């Protein structure tokens, strides 16, 4: 079993170490018997322990926690891909993994939905046509019948987890210092966003808030990268879809 497991990417073992501990033998067993429910439970626990918004409660630096939180999210995405797209990991001994032809489902984008059904998923593709209004790219993919709502939600969660923190951007621009960030986090009301609290408490101006939010949006990864990296949409097909997306939004510019 260990000889087979050794052919799997070392990144998966590092991901296991991040979420489940540093025992290499345990990692091999985890890879063999890993279940989605166990993965989610481990991720939630680690995310709670490392989220930068809890820096004040943990008496730790938000910037230090940010790096650990990124590692946790990366580990979760890698192991989640291991469960959902097993053909990308030669040598897998996971009992739930089935044989799969990698070329299948990549020749045409719509075949992604068929692949999901072959894997036992109950994902349904939209068949009602495109709304006659401007759309965000993820919504365009969904209403085009290319991806399921489940895939769209997973992509949005991934994109948000990978975008830089507002506090880190503000510190990098010398608009705030680390003590300011800690104070803002401590002063946040339930459900209040970091920028909203910083503005309310006088740490930044409305203009600075708008610039920080725009910078965060610019630096976050493109949502299309999620579908390419996970083998849901081929890069060449994505280029064609992006062109269709721009045509649609130009047509409904005032929508």
Protein backbone atom coordinates (compact mmCIF):
# COMPACT_ATOMS: atom_id res chain seq x y z
CA UNK A 1 0.00 0.00 0.00
CA UNK A 2 2.81 2.40 0.80
CA UNK A 3 4.43 1.78 -2.60
CA UNK A 4 1.22 2.78 -4.33
CA UNK A 5 0.68 5.74 -2.05
CA UNK A 6 4.22 6.96 -2.70
CA UNK A 7 3.32 7.66 -6.32
CA UNK A 8 0.73 10.21 -5.22
CA UNK A 9 1.79 13.84 -5.18
CA UNK A 10 3.78 14.82 -2.04
CA UNK A 11 1.51 17.89 -1.89
CA UNK A 12 -1.28 15.63 -0.66
CA UNK A 13 0.83 14.42 2.25
CA UNK A 14 1.71 18.00 3.14
CA UNK A 15 -1.99 18.84 2.99
CA UNK A 16 -2.70 15.94 5.37
CA UNK A 17 -0.04 17.26 7.74
CA UNK A 18 -1.66 20.70 7.78
CA UNK A 19 -5.14 19.40 8.54
CA UNK A 20 -4.55 16.12 10.39
CA UNK A 21 -1.04 16.28 11.89
CA UNK A 22 2.53 15.42 10.94
CA UNK A 23 2.47 11.60 11.16
CA UNK A 24 3.39 10.38 7.63
CA UNK A 25 1.96 6.90 8.22
CA UNK A 26 -1.29 8.40 9.41
CA UNK A 27 -1.33 10.56 6.27
CA UNK A 28 -1.12 7.46 4.09
CA UNK A 29 -4.09 5.92 5.89
CA UNK A 30 -6.01 9.19 5.70
CA UNK A 31 -5.49 9.34 1.94
CA UNK A 32 -6.75 5.79 1.60
CA UNK A 33 -9.89 6.17 3.70
CA UNK A 34 -10.52 9.92 3.58
CA UNK A 35 -14.18 10.96 3.48
CA UNK A 36 -15.67 14.33 2.61
CA UNK A 37 -17.33 14.63 6.02
CA UNK A 38 -14.02 14.07 7.85
CA UNK A 39 -12.24 16.54 5.59
CA UNK A 40 -14.83 19.25 6.20
CA UNK A 41 -14.72 18.68 9.95
CA UNK A 42 -10.92 18.98 10.04
CA UNK A 43 -11.01 22.05 7.81
CA UNK A 44 -13.58 23.86 9.97
CA UNK A 45 -11.52 23.17 13.08
CA UNK A 46 -8.26 24.44 11.54
CA UNK A 47 -9.94 27.41 9.89
CA UNK A 48 -11.39 28.44 13.26
CA UNK A 49 -7.96 28.12 14.88
CA UNK A 50 -6.14 30.15 12.22
CA UNK A 51 -8.62 32.73 10.90
CA UNK A 52 -7.00 36.21 10.97
CA UNK A 53 -10.24 37.76 12.26
CA UNK A 54 -9.65 35.89 15.54
CA UNK A 55 -6.20 37.38 16.04
CA UNK A 56 -7.29 39.47 19.02
CA UNK A 57 -8.96 36.52 20.75
CA UNK A 58 -5.91 34.33 20.11
CA UNK A 59 -3.46 37.11 21.04
CA UNK A 60 -1.58 36.53 17.77
CA UNK A 61 -0.58 38.68 14.81
CA UNK A 62 -3.24 38.87 12.06
CA UNK A 63 -0.52 38.76 9.43
CA UNK A 64 0.97 35.60 10.93
CA UNK A 65 -2.43 33.94 11.09
CA UNK A 66 -3.13 35.00 7.51
CA UNK A 67 -0.27 32.84 6.23
CA UNK A 68 -1.43 29.84 8.27
CA UNK A 69 -5.02 30.37 7.13
CA UNK A 70 -3.88 30.33 3.50
CA UNK A 71 -2.09 27.03 4.11
CA UNK A 72 -5.24 25.55 5.63
CA UNK A 73 -7.34 26.62 2.64
CA UNK A 74 -4.76 25.32 0.18
CA UNK A 75 -4.64 21.97 1.98
CA UNK A 76 -8.43 21.71 1.96
CA UNK A 77 -8.65 22.52 -1.77
CA UNK A 78 -5.99 19.93 -2.61
CA UNK A 79 -7.62 17.15 -0.59
CA UNK A 80 -11.08 18.09 -1.82
CA UNK A 81 -9.80 17.79 -5.39
CA UNK A 82 -8.32 14.40 -4.45
CA UNK A 83 -11.81 13.22 -3.49
CA UNK A 84 -13.74 14.82 -6.34
CA UNK A 85 -11.26 14.37 -9.21
CA UNK A 86 -9.35 11.14 -8.43
CA UNK A 87 -8.08 10.61 -11.99
CA UNK A 88 -5.74 13.54 -11.47
CA UNK A 89 -3.79 11.57 -8.84
CA UNK A 90 -2.23 8.40 -10.35
CA UNK A 91 -1.63 5.68 -7.78
CA UNK A 92 -4.64 6.55 -5.63
CA UNK A 93 -5.81 3.64 -3.47
CA UNK A 94 -8.95 5.36 -2.21
CA UNK A 95 -11.72 2.72 -2.35
CA UNK A 96 -14.24 5.22 -3.72
CA UNK A 97 -12.11 6.13 -6.72
CA UNK A 98 -13.22 4.79 -10.07
CA UNK A 99 -11.38 4.51 -13.37
CA UNK A 100 -11.73 7.59 -15.50
CA UNK A 101 -10.54 8.67 -18.91
CA UNK A 102 -9.01 12.17 -18.48
CA UNK A 103 -9.76 13.15 -22.08
CA UNK A 104 -13.43 12.48 -21.52
CA UNK A 105 -15.30 15.51 -20.28
CA UNK A 106 -12.61 17.91 -21.49
CA UNK A 107 -13.41 17.85 -25.19
CA UNK A 108 -16.67 19.68 -24.59
CA UNK A 109 -17.55 21.84 -21.61
CA UNK A 110 -21.02 20.40 -21.20
CA UNK A 111 -19.47 17.00 -20.59
CA UNK A 112 -18.51 18.29 -17.13
CA UNK A 113 -22.11 17.77 -16.04
CA UNK A 114 -22.06 14.24 -17.38
CA UNK A 115 -18.84 13.54 -15.49
CA UNK A 116 -20.41 14.68 -12.24
CA UNK A 117 -23.33 12.33 -12.76
CA UNK A 118 -20.96 9.45 -13.54
CA UNK A 119 -19.26 10.15 -10.20
CA UNK A 120 -22.57 9.71 -8.36
CA UNK A 121 -23.23 13.42 -7.84
CA UNK A 122 -26.72 14.85 -8.15
CA UNK A 123 -25.70 18.09 -9.85
CA UNK A 124 -28.12 19.55 -12.34
CA UNK A 125 -27.31 22.02 -15.09
CA UNK A 126 -29.46 25.06 -15.80
CA UNK A 127 -31.55 24.69 -18.95
CA UNK A 128 -33.63 27.87 -18.83
CA UNK A 129 -31.42 30.07 -21.01
CA UNK A 130 -29.47 33.22 -20.18
CA UNK A 131 -31.18 36.08 -18.31
CA UNK A 132 -31.45 39.21 -20.44
CA UNK A 133 -29.19 41.31 -18.23
CA UNK A 134 -25.52 41.76 -17.39
CA UNK A 135 -24.04 38.90 -15.39
CA UNK A 136 -20.98 38.18 -13.31
CA UNK A 137 -18.80 35.56 -14.98
CA UNK A 138 -19.64 32.75 -12.55
CA UNK A 139 -23.35 33.38 -13.04
CA UNK A 140 -22.83 33.42 -16.79
CA UNK A 141 -21.25 29.96 -16.61
CA UNK A 142 -24.16 28.67 -14.55
CA UNK A 143 -26.93 30.14 -16.71
CA UNK A 144 -25.12 28.92 -19.82
CA UNK A 145 -25.56 25.36 -18.55
CA UNK A 146 -21.81 24.85 -18.25
CA UNK A 147 -21.52 24.35 -14.48
CA UNK A 148 -23.86 23.39 -11.66
CA UNK A 149 -24.85 25.66 -8.80
CA UNK A 150 -22.81 23.42 -6.49
CA UNK A 151 -19.70 24.05 -8.59
CA UNK A 152 -20.40 27.78 -8.67
CA UNK A 153 -20.67 27.96 -4.89
CA UNK A 154 -17.44 25.98 -4.48
CA UNK A 155 -15.68 28.39 -6.84
CA UNK A 156 -16.95 31.45 -4.98
CA UNK A 157 -15.81 30.02 -1.63
CA UNK A 158 -12.38 29.26 -3.13
CA UNK A 159 -12.08 32.75 -4.62
CA UNK A 160 -12.98 34.46 -1.36
CA UNK A 161 -10.61 32.30 0.66
CA UNK A 162 -7.74 33.19 -1.69
CA UNK A 163 -8.21 36.94 -1.85
CA UNK A 164 -5.94 39.15 0.29
CA UNK A 165 -7.22 40.57 3.56
CA UNK A 166 -8.19 44.23 3.60
CA UNK A 167 -6.10 44.79 6.72
CA UNK A 168 -2.97 43.43 5.02
CA UNK A 169 -3.47 45.74 2.04
CA UNK A 170 -3.97 48.75 4.29
CA UNK A 171 -0.84 47.91 6.32
CA UNK A 172 1.16 47.52 3.10
CA UNK A 173 0.10 51.02 2.04
CA UNK A 174 0.81 52.48 5.52
CA UNK A 175 -2.83 53.47 5.89
CA UNK A 176 -3.01 51.31 9.01
CA UNK A 177 -0.48 49.63 11.26
CA UNK A 178 -0.72 46.21 12.91
CA UNK A 179 -2.05 47.70 16.15
CA UNK A 180 -4.80 49.46 14.18
CA UNK A 181 -5.78 46.15 12.58
CA UNK A 182 -5.98 44.46 15.99
CA UNK A 183 -8.10 47.30 17.35
CA UNK A 184 -10.51 47.23 14.41
CA UNK A 185 -10.98 43.46 14.75
CA UNK A 186 -11.66 43.87 18.47
CA UNK A 187 -14.20 46.65 17.80
CA UNK A 188 -16.14 44.82 15.10
CA UNK A 189 -19.80 44.22 15.76
CA UNK A 190 -21.44 40.89 15.02
CA UNK A 191 -21.56 40.42 11.25
CA UNK A 192 -19.77 43.71 10.56
CA UNK A 193 -17.19 43.76 7.77
CA UNK A 194 -13.65 44.90 8.49
CA UNK A 195 -13.89 47.96 6.22
CA UNK A 196 -17.26 48.99 7.66
CA UNK A 197 -15.85 48.87 11.19
CA UNK A 198 -12.68 50.74 10.20
CA UNK A 199 -14.80 53.48 8.62
CA UNK A 200 -17.22 53.67 11.53
CA UNK A 201 -14.38 53.97 14.04
CA UNK A 202 -12.54 56.62 12.03
CA UNK A 203 -9.50 54.57 11.02
CA UNK A 204 -10.10 55.12 7.28
CA UNK A 205 -12.13 57.48 5.10
CA UNK A 206 -14.89 56.53 2.68
CA UNK A 207 -12.47 57.11 -0.20
CA UNK A 208 -9.90 54.77 1.34
CA UNK A 209 -12.57 52.12 1.90
CA UNK A 210 -13.55 52.20 -1.77
CA UNK A 211 -9.92 51.98 -2.89
CA UNK A 212 -9.17 49.09 -0.52
CA UNK A 213 -12.20 47.12 -1.68
CA UNK A 214 -11.33 47.73 -5.33
CA UNK A 215 -7.75 46.60 -4.72
CA UNK A 216 -8.94 43.45 -2.98
CA UNK A 217 -11.20 42.60 -5.92
CA UNK A 218 -8.36 43.19 -8.36
CA UNK A 219 -5.95 40.92 -6.45
CA UNK A 220 -8.33 38.03 -5.87
CA UNK A 221 -7.88 35.12 -8.32
CA UNK A 222 -10.14 34.92 -11.36
CA UNK A 223 -13.02 32.56 -10.72
CA UNK A 224 -12.45 30.83 -14.06
CA UNK A 225 -9.14 29.51 -12.73
CA UNK A 226 -11.02 27.27 -10.31
CA UNK A 227 -12.77 25.42 -13.12
CA UNK A 228 -9.59 25.09 -15.20
CA UNK A 229 -7.46 23.88 -12.28
CA UNK A 230 -10.06 21.29 -11.30
CA UNK A 231 -10.49 19.96 -14.82
CA UNK A 232 -14.11 21.10 -15.16
CA UNK A 233 -13.46 23.38 -18.13
CA UNK A 234 -10.51 23.12 -20.51
CA UNK A 235 -8.38 26.26 -20.94
CA UNK A 236 -9.14 26.49 -24.67
CA UNK A 237 -12.86 26.14 -24.02
CA UNK A 238 -12.65 28.77 -21.28
CA UNK A 239 -11.24 31.28 -23.76
CA UNK A 240 -14.24 30.76 -26.04
CA UNK A 241 -16.67 31.11 -23.13
CA UNK A 242 -15.03 34.36 -22.00
CA UNK A 243 -15.59 35.81 -25.47
CA UNK A 244 -19.26 34.83 -25.31
CA UNK A 245 -19.48 36.39 -21.84
CA UNK A 246 -18.23 39.76 -23.11
CA UNK A 247 -20.62 39.64 -26.05
CA UNK A 248 -23.54 38.96 -23.71
CA UNK A 249 -22.67 41.80 -21.32
CA UNK A 250 -22.11 44.27 -24.16
CA UNK A 251 -25.53 43.37 -25.52
CA UNK A 252 -27.14 44.03 -22.13
CA UNK A 253 -24.97 46.95 -21.09
CA UNK A 254 -27.93 48.81 -19.65
CA UNK A 255 -29.57 45.77 -18.16
